[in-house]
């Protein structure tokens, strides 16, 4: 059976429960989920690859909605940049 999990998101000031179903899960390499909520449907795909002495993270988000969400793309880009920066900082912390 495919793993499922729920995530709470804030979409332009409105909170939604995003229901995920895992499609691909290769530890330390790839994660792909399909998701749905009252506002949109789509998929998220995370891929990790060694590059030199570091790691390249590719994050792809594809979604569909009937809602008029003008301006959402720019906000999502800013939010994603901050989330990736937070993740990078967390992963690079040296354990105490």
Protein backbone atom coordinates (compact mmCIF):
# COMPACT_ATOMS: atom_id res chain seq x y z
CA UNK A 1 0.00 0.00 0.00
CA UNK A 2 1.15 3.54 -0.70
CA UNK A 3 1.92 5.73 2.30
CA UNK A 4 -0.36 8.68 2.96
CA UNK A 5 0.08 11.82 5.03
CA UNK A 6 -1.64 15.14 5.62
CA UNK A 7 -0.07 18.59 5.60
CA UNK A 8 -1.67 21.89 6.60
CA UNK A 9 -1.05 24.77 4.20
CA UNK A 10 -1.93 28.45 4.17
CA UNK A 11 -3.05 29.48 0.71
CA UNK A 12 -3.48 33.26 0.51
CA UNK A 13 -4.63 33.45 4.11
CA UNK A 14 -6.93 30.41 4.01
CA UNK A 15 -5.85 27.17 5.72
CA UNK A 16 -6.36 23.85 3.95
CA UNK A 17 -5.51 20.23 4.69
CA UNK A 18 -3.41 18.85 1.84
CA UNK A 19 -3.77 15.06 1.51
CA UNK A 20 -0.70 13.34 0.03
CA UNK A 21 -0.26 9.84 -1.38
CA UNK A 22 3.36 8.76 -1.90
CA UNK A 23 4.09 7.57 -5.44
CA UNK A 24 7.88 7.16 -5.27
CA UNK A 25 10.07 6.93 -2.16
CA UNK A 26 13.74 6.09 -2.65
CA UNK A 27 15.58 6.96 0.56
CA UNK A 28 18.09 9.78 0.06
CA UNK A 29 17.31 10.00 -3.67
CA UNK A 30 13.72 10.76 -4.57
CA UNK A 31 10.24 11.46 -3.19
CA UNK A 32 7.14 12.03 -5.28
CA UNK A 33 3.64 12.59 -3.93
CA UNK A 34 0.26 13.26 -5.47
CA UNK A 35 -1.89 15.63 -3.43
CA UNK A 36 -5.40 16.99 -3.23
CA UNK A 37 -7.33 19.51 -1.15
CA UNK A 38 -10.43 21.65 -1.48
CA UNK A 39 -8.51 24.30 -3.46
CA UNK A 40 -6.14 22.38 -5.75
CA UNK A 41 -4.72 19.07 -6.94
CA UNK A 42 -1.22 18.22 -8.06
CA UNK A 43 2.09 16.56 -7.37
CA UNK A 44 5.38 17.36 -5.66
CA UNK A 45 8.63 15.76 -6.75
CA UNK A 46 11.93 16.00 -4.83
CA UNK A 47 15.13 14.58 -6.33
CA UNK A 48 18.56 14.53 -4.66
CA UNK A 49 21.85 14.00 -6.48
CA UNK A 50 25.49 14.23 -5.43
CA UNK A 51 27.32 17.02 -7.20
CA UNK A 52 31.00 17.36 -6.32
CA UNK A 53 31.21 17.61 -2.55
CA UNK A 54 27.58 18.74 -2.21
CA UNK A 55 24.04 17.73 -3.00
CA UNK A 56 21.69 19.09 -5.65
CA UNK A 57 18.03 19.21 -4.68
CA UNK A 58 15.49 19.52 -7.49
CA UNK A 59 11.96 20.35 -6.33
CA UNK A 60 9.11 20.32 -8.83
CA UNK A 61 5.55 21.38 -8.00
CA UNK A 62 2.72 20.99 -10.48
CA UNK A 63 -0.85 21.85 -9.58
CA UNK A 64 -4.26 22.63 -11.02
CA UNK A 65 -7.05 24.75 -9.64
CA UNK A 66 -10.20 26.49 -10.79
CA UNK A 67 -9.64 29.33 -8.31
CA UNK A 68 -8.50 32.76 -9.52
CA UNK A 69 -5.07 32.78 -7.89
CA UNK A 70 -3.29 35.61 -9.68
CA UNK A 71 -0.05 36.48 -7.96
CA UNK A 72 0.26 33.07 -6.32
CA UNK A 73 3.21 31.96 -8.46
CA UNK A 74 5.46 34.82 -7.30
CA UNK A 75 4.49 34.22 -3.67
CA UNK A 76 5.18 30.50 -4.01
CA UNK A 77 8.64 31.19 -5.47
CA UNK A 78 9.51 33.41 -2.49
CA UNK A 79 8.12 30.86 -0.04
CA UNK A 80 9.98 27.98 -1.72
CA UNK A 81 13.29 29.88 -1.66
CA UNK A 82 12.86 30.50 2.07
CA UNK A 83 11.89 26.85 2.72
CA UNK A 84 14.92 25.57 0.79
CA UNK A 85 17.20 27.96 2.68
CA UNK A 86 15.75 26.75 5.99
CA UNK A 87 16.18 23.10 4.95
CA UNK A 88 19.78 23.69 3.82
CA UNK A 89 20.62 25.39 7.12
CA UNK A 90 19.02 22.56 9.10
CA UNK A 91 20.81 19.82 7.14
CA UNK A 92 24.19 21.52 7.40
CA UNK A 93 24.04 21.92 11.18
CA UNK A 94 26.67 19.89 12.98
CA UNK A 95 25.06 17.63 15.63
CA UNK A 96 25.94 18.63 19.19
